[in-house]
Amino acid sequence: MSSAPDTSPSDDILRLRVTAKDPETLRALLRDTRPDVGGRPHVEEDGRIGIDVYVPADRIPALEREGVTVTMTGNASEAGRAAQAEVGSGDRFAPADAVPRGLAAKLSG
C-alpha cells in the first residue's frame, strides 16, 4: 500500500473567503466549524468582516449560514500540486565530484 496521499479532486482543500455581517457572527462561525484559517480577519469597505479559510468541499455547507457569505477563491491542493511539479526529481549532489558551491565559509573537519 502506498503512503502517498489521495490526490483526487473530491479530497482537495479549497481556499474560501468567508465574510460575515459582524465580528460576533464570524466568531460564532469559527467557533462552531473550526476551519483552518489563513491570516487574520480584516474589515471590508462595507463594514463586514472577512477571513480566508481552508476546508474540503464537503465542509462548505457547514460554513453557509445567515449573515455569512462564502466565496471560493482557489484550490489550495491544486496550487500545491502545480508547485510540486516545478521541483526537480533528481539528486543534484549525486555525482561524486559535485561539491556544493556558494558564498559560505568552507570549514575543515
C-alpha atoms as a PDB file:
ATOM      1  CA  MET A   1       0.000   0.000   0.000  1.00  0.00           C
ATOM      2  CA  SER A   2       1.332   3.416  -0.955  1.00  0.00           C
ATOM      3  CA  SER A   3       1.808   6.113   1.659  1.00  0.00           C
ATOM      4  CA  ALA A   4       1.123   8.824  -0.937  1.00  0.00           C
ATOM      5  CA  PRO A   5      -1.945  10.924  -0.155  1.00  0.00           C
ATOM      6  CA  ASP A   6      -5.041  10.576  -2.309  1.00  0.00           C
ATOM      7  CA  THR A   7      -4.988  13.465  -4.776  1.00  0.00           C
ATOM      8  CA  SER A   8      -8.500  13.116  -6.149  1.00  0.00           C
ATOM      9  CA  PRO A   9     -10.275  16.466  -6.599  1.00  0.00           C
ATOM     10  CA  SER A  10     -13.031  15.456  -4.153  1.00  0.00           C
ATOM     11  CA  ASP A  11     -10.450  15.485  -1.354  1.00  0.00           C
ATOM     12  CA  ASP A  12      -8.910  18.799  -2.359  1.00  0.00           C
ATOM     13  CA  ILE A  13      -8.564  21.583   0.178  1.00  0.00           C
ATOM     14  CA  LEU A  14     -10.286  24.717  -1.080  1.00  0.00           C
ATOM     15  CA  ARG A  15      -9.432  28.313  -0.217  1.00  0.00           C
ATOM     16  CA  LEU A  16     -12.568  30.258   0.664  1.00  0.00           C
ATOM     17  CA  ARG A  17     -13.279  33.849   1.612  1.00  0.00           C
ATOM     18  CA  VAL A  18     -15.790  33.896   4.468  1.00  0.00           C
ATOM     19  CA  THR A  19     -17.377  37.298   5.065  1.00  0.00           C
ATOM     20  CA  ALA A  20     -19.734  37.911   7.988  1.00  0.00           C
ATOM     21  CA  LYS A  21     -22.036  40.814   8.771  1.00  0.00           C
ATOM     22  CA  ASP A  22     -20.280  41.479  12.091  1.00  0.00           C
ATOM     23  CA  PRO A  23     -17.450  40.173  14.309  1.00  0.00           C
ATOM     24  CA  GLU A  24     -19.817  38.210  16.571  1.00  0.00           C
ATOM     25  CA  THR A  25     -21.205  36.255  13.624  1.00  0.00           C
ATOM     26  CA  LEU A  26     -17.702  35.462  12.375  1.00  0.00           C
ATOM     27  CA  ARG A  27     -16.538  34.396  15.851  1.00  0.00           C
ATOM     28  CA  ALA A  28     -19.548  32.083  16.218  1.00  0.00           C
ATOM     29  CA  LEU A  29     -18.900  30.564  12.788  1.00  0.00           C
ATOM     30  CA  LEU A  30     -15.218  29.935  13.521  1.00  0.00           C
ATOM     31  CA  ARG A  31     -16.012  28.538  16.973  1.00  0.00           C
ATOM     32  CA  ASP A  32     -18.693  26.176  15.606  1.00  0.00           C
ATOM     33  CA  THR A  33     -16.919  24.931  12.457  1.00  0.00           C
ATOM     34  CA  ARG A  34     -13.223  25.258  13.461  1.00  0.00           C
ATOM     35  CA  PRO A  35     -11.808  25.591   9.917  1.00  0.00           C
ATOM     36  CA  ASP A  36      -8.130  26.154   9.150  1.00  0.00           C
ATOM     37  CA  VAL A  37      -7.747  29.909   8.773  1.00  0.00           C
ATOM     38  CA  GLY A  38      -5.266  31.805   6.644  1.00  0.00           C
ATOM     39  CA  GLY A  39      -4.233  35.039   8.262  1.00  0.00           C
ATOM     40  CA  ARG A  40      -6.200  37.466  10.355  1.00  0.00           C
ATOM     41  CA  PRO A  41      -9.708  38.806   9.879  1.00  0.00           C
ATOM     42  CA  HIS A  42      -9.996  42.118   8.068  1.00  0.00           C
ATOM     43  CA  VAL A  43     -12.764  44.677   7.733  1.00  0.00           C
ATOM     44  CA  GLU A  44     -14.246  45.121   4.253  1.00  0.00           C
ATOM     45  CA  GLU A  45     -15.146  48.561   2.871  1.00  0.00           C
ATOM     46  CA  ASP A  46     -18.839  47.948   3.638  1.00  0.00           C
ATOM     47  CA  GLY A  47     -18.101  47.199   7.322  1.00  0.00           C
ATOM     48  CA  ARG A  48     -18.405  43.427   7.021  1.00  0.00           C
ATOM     49  CA  ILE A  49     -15.549  41.301   8.356  1.00  0.00           C
ATOM     50  CA  GLY A  50     -13.835  38.554   6.378  1.00  0.00           C
ATOM     51  CA  ILE A  51     -11.179  35.880   6.668  1.00  0.00           C
ATOM     52  CA  ASP A  52      -9.678  33.217   4.403  1.00  0.00           C
ATOM     53  CA  VAL A  53     -10.353  29.607   5.407  1.00  0.00           C
ATOM     54  CA  TYR A  54      -9.158  26.273   4.037  1.00  0.00           C
ATOM     55  CA  VAL A  55     -11.593  23.335   4.031  1.00  0.00           C
ATOM     56  CA  PRO A  56     -12.528  20.328   1.875  1.00  0.00           C
ATOM     57  CA  ALA A  57     -15.627  20.775  -0.302  1.00  0.00           C
ATOM     58  CA  ASP A  58     -17.828  18.617   1.945  1.00  0.00           C
ATOM     59  CA  ARG A  59     -17.415  21.139   4.810  1.00  0.00           C
ATOM     60  CA  ILE A  60     -18.634  24.163   2.833  1.00  0.00           C
ATOM     61  CA  PRO A  61     -22.317  23.669   3.808  1.00  0.00           C
ATOM     62  CA  ALA A  62     -21.343  23.991   7.498  1.00  0.00           C
ATOM     63  CA  LEU A  63     -19.939  27.464   6.766  1.00  0.00           C
ATOM     64  CA  GLU A  64     -23.045  28.729   4.998  1.00  0.00           C
ATOM     65  CA  ARG A  65     -25.491  30.422   7.336  1.00  0.00           C
ATOM     66  CA  GLU A  66     -27.482  33.625   7.703  1.00  0.00           C
ATOM     67  CA  GLY A  67     -25.288  36.725   7.702  1.00  0.00           C
ATOM     68  CA  VAL A  68     -22.328  34.906   6.110  1.00  0.00           C
ATOM     69  CA  THR A  69     -21.105  34.919   2.511  1.00  0.00           C
ATOM     70  CA  VAL A  70     -18.812  32.111   1.352  1.00  0.00           C
ATOM     71  CA  THR A  71     -16.809  32.607  -1.860  1.00  0.00           C
ATOM     72  CA  MET A  72     -14.327  30.116  -3.302  1.00  0.00           C
ATOM     73  CA  THR A  73     -11.085  31.906  -4.173  1.00  0.00           C
ATOM     74  CA  GLY A  74      -8.924  28.937  -5.121  1.00  0.00           C
ATOM     75  CA  ASN A  75      -7.963  25.311  -4.794  1.00  0.00           C
ATOM     76  CA  ALA A  76      -5.026  25.067  -2.396  1.00  0.00           C
ATOM     77  CA  SER A  77      -4.395  21.400  -3.208  1.00  0.00           C
ATOM     78  CA  GLU A  78      -4.239  22.108  -6.927  1.00  0.00           C
ATOM     79  CA  ALA A  79      -1.827  25.002  -6.335  1.00  0.00           C
ATOM     80  CA  GLY A  80       0.349  22.699  -4.217  1.00  0.00           C
ATOM     81  CA  ARG A  81       0.416  20.019  -6.913  1.00  0.00           C
ATOM     82  CA  ALA A  82       1.396  22.646  -9.510  1.00  0.00           C
ATOM     83  CA  ALA A  83       4.245  23.875  -7.291  1.00  0.00           C
ATOM     84  CA  GLN A  84       5.452  20.307  -6.691  1.00  0.00           C
ATOM     85  CA  ALA A  85       5.535  19.715 -10.454  1.00  0.00           C
ATOM     86  CA  GLU A  86       8.102  22.521 -10.750  1.00  0.00           C
ATOM     87  CA  VAL A  87      10.553  20.798  -8.395  1.00  0.00           C
ATOM     88  CA  GLY A  88      13.182  18.555  -9.962  1.00  0.00           C
ATOM     89  CA  SER A  89      13.226  14.876  -9.117  1.00  0.00           C
ATOM     90  CA  GLY A  90      16.945  14.185  -9.347  1.00  0.00           C
ATOM     91  CA  ASP A  91      19.673  14.497  -6.736  1.00  0.00           C
ATOM     92  CA  ARG A  92      21.795  17.450  -7.752  1.00  0.00           C
ATOM     93  CA  PHE A  93      24.627  16.292  -5.482  1.00  0.00           C
ATOM     94  CA  ALA A  94      24.602  12.677  -6.722  1.00  0.00           C
ATOM     95  CA  PRO A  95      27.870  12.691  -8.724  1.00  0.00           C
ATOM     96  CA  ALA A  96      30.918  12.162  -6.529  1.00  0.00           C
ATOM     97  CA  ASP A  97      32.570  15.298  -7.880  1.00  0.00           C
ATOM     98  CA  ALA A  98      29.549  17.520  -7.270  1.00  0.00           C
ATOM     99  CA  VAL A  99      30.540  19.744  -4.378  1.00  0.00           C
ATOM    100  CA  PRO A 100      28.067  22.376  -3.232  1.00  0.00           C
ATOM    101  CA  ARG A 101      29.301  25.843  -4.151  1.00  0.00           C
ATOM    102  CA  GLY A 102      28.321  29.180  -2.691  1.00  0.00           C
ATOM    103  CA  LEU A 103      29.370  32.085  -0.534  1.00  0.00           C
ATOM    104  CA  ALA A 104      29.567  30.197   2.768  1.00  0.00           C
ATOM    105  CA  ALA A 105      32.873  29.639   4.535  1.00  0.00           C
ATOM    106  CA  LYS A 106      34.402  26.230   3.890  1.00  0.00           C
ATOM    107  CA  LEU A 107      35.122  24.578   7.236  1.00  0.00           C
ATOM    108  CA  SER A 108      37.735  21.895   7.701  1.00  0.00           C
ATOM    109  CA  GLY A 109      36.941  18.899   9.747  1.00  0.00           C
END
